[in-house]
Amino acid sequence: PPGLAREDWKIIRAVSEVLGSPLPYDTHSEVRGRMAEVCPSLIRFDAIEPANFFNVAELLASSAKPAAEPIDVSMKEMKDFYMTCQVSRASKTMAECVKAASA
């Protein structure tokens, strides 16, 4: 409701408390400070930085422990793939197309 809105970081902080693992940030500046520690590029405005996707992937891969058993998923095949998007689900035309294709 108007007048009762909270800033995003406050909402996330409140959710963390409900989950029993409160985040250690009580002010906006503390959140920004932590963001700067984790990803300094977030505070370097007007600067283009080279992408380091491969460095990050290599770092994550080297620290990951292999799973004891292969990862398996319960859904092997997605039925009605074209209806997974909310825009498509709201479309009468897409509903007719899916119905015709499955007949």
Protein backbone atom coordinates (compact mmCIF):
# COMPACT_ATOMS: atom_id res chain seq x y z
CA PRO A 1 0.00 0.00 0.00
CA PRO A 2 1.13 3.59 -0.56
CA GLY A 3 3.28 4.82 2.26
CA LEU A 4 4.17 1.33 3.50
CA ALA A 5 6.66 0.36 0.79
CA ARG A 6 10.17 -0.71 1.77
CA GLU A 7 13.45 -0.51 -0.06
CA ASP A 8 14.53 -3.76 -1.70
CA TRP A 9 17.45 -4.36 0.64
CA LYS A 10 15.16 -4.01 3.66
CA ILE A 11 12.77 -6.59 2.24
CA ILE A 12 15.61 -9.05 1.61
CA ARG A 13 16.94 -8.38 5.12
CA ALA A 14 13.49 -9.09 6.60
CA VAL A 15 13.13 -12.31 4.60
CA SER A 16 16.55 -13.45 5.82
CA GLU A 17 15.34 -13.00 9.41
CA VAL A 18 12.20 -15.03 8.74
CA LEU A 19 14.39 -17.79 7.26
CA GLY A 20 16.45 -17.83 10.45
CA SER A 21 19.66 -16.60 8.84
CA PRO A 22 19.67 -12.81 9.21
CA LEU A 23 22.00 -10.86 6.97
CA PRO A 24 24.52 -8.71 8.86
CA TYR A 25 23.50 -5.43 7.22
CA ASP A 26 21.44 -2.82 9.03
CA THR A 27 21.96 0.18 6.78
CA HIS A 28 22.00 0.98 3.10
CA SER A 29 25.68 1.95 3.29
CA GLU A 30 26.59 -1.42 4.85
CA VAL A 31 24.92 -3.20 1.93
CA ARG A 32 26.75 -1.00 -0.57
CA GLY A 33 30.03 -1.61 1.22
CA ARG A 34 29.59 -5.37 1.02
CA MET A 35 28.63 -5.13 -2.65
CA ALA A 36 31.85 -3.22 -3.28
CA GLU A 37 33.84 -5.97 -1.53
CA VAL A 38 32.20 -8.73 -3.53
CA CYS A 39 32.16 -6.97 -6.90
CA PRO A 40 34.17 -3.74 -7.07
CA SER A 41 32.93 -3.05 -10.59
CA LEU A 42 29.53 -2.19 -9.10
CA ILE A 43 30.95 1.04 -7.71
CA ARG A 44 33.16 2.02 -10.64
CA PHE A 45 30.82 4.20 -12.63
CA ASP A 46 31.67 5.32 -16.17
CA ALA A 47 34.29 2.59 -16.55
CA ILE A 48 34.24 -0.29 -19.01
CA GLU A 49 35.89 -3.36 -17.59
CA PRO A 50 36.96 -6.50 -19.44
CA ALA A 51 34.75 -9.53 -18.93
CA ASN A 52 36.27 -12.21 -16.75
CA PHE A 53 33.73 -14.98 -17.24
CA PHE A 54 36.38 -17.63 -17.88
CA ASN A 55 38.41 -16.68 -14.81
CA VAL A 56 35.33 -16.89 -12.61
CA ALA A 57 34.24 -20.21 -14.17
CA GLU A 58 37.73 -21.66 -13.64
CA LEU A 59 37.79 -20.50 -10.04
CA LEU A 60 34.37 -21.99 -9.34
CA ALA A 61 35.24 -25.25 -11.08
CA SER A 62 38.46 -25.65 -9.13
CA SER A 63 36.71 -25.17 -5.79
CA ALA A 64 33.71 -27.38 -6.57
CA LYS A 65 33.54 -30.87 -5.12
CA PRO A 66 32.26 -33.57 -7.48
CA ALA A 67 28.88 -35.03 -6.58
CA ALA A 68 28.85 -38.47 -4.99
CA GLU A 69 26.33 -39.66 -7.55
CA PRO A 70 25.18 -38.27 -10.88
CA ILE A 71 22.67 -35.46 -10.75
CA ASP A 72 19.29 -36.53 -12.04
CA VAL A 73 16.16 -34.56 -12.79
CA SER A 74 12.63 -35.82 -12.48
CA MET A 75 11.32 -34.12 -15.60
CA LYS A 76 13.16 -35.51 -18.63
CA GLU A 77 10.90 -33.96 -21.24
CA MET A 78 8.98 -30.72 -21.14
CA LYS A 79 5.45 -30.96 -22.43
CA ASP A 80 3.87 -27.83 -23.84
CA PHE A 81 7.19 -25.99 -24.02
CA TYR A 82 5.53 -23.11 -25.83
CA MET A 83 3.16 -22.57 -22.91
CA THR A 84 5.91 -22.02 -20.32
CA CYS A 85 5.93 -18.28 -20.95
CA GLN A 86 3.19 -16.25 -19.25
CA VAL A 87 2.61 -14.23 -22.41
CA SER A 88 2.07 -17.42 -24.43
CA ARG A 89 -0.23 -18.86 -21.77
CA ALA A 90 -2.39 -15.74 -21.99
CA SER A 91 -2.64 -16.01 -25.78
CA LYS A 92 -5.80 -17.60 -27.20
CA THR A 93 -3.96 -18.21 -30.47
CA MET A 94 -1.16 -20.13 -28.72
CA ALA A 95 -3.72 -22.18 -26.79
CA GLU A 96 -5.42 -23.13 -30.06
CA CYS A 97 -2.06 -24.00 -31.65
CA VAL A 98 -1.04 -26.24 -28.74
CA LYS A 99 -4.44 -27.89 -28.74
CA ALA A 100 -4.22 -28.54 -32.50
CA ALA A 101 -0.67 -29.88 -32.25
CA SER A 102 -1.53 -32.30 -29.45
CA ALA A 103 -4.63 -33.66 -31.19
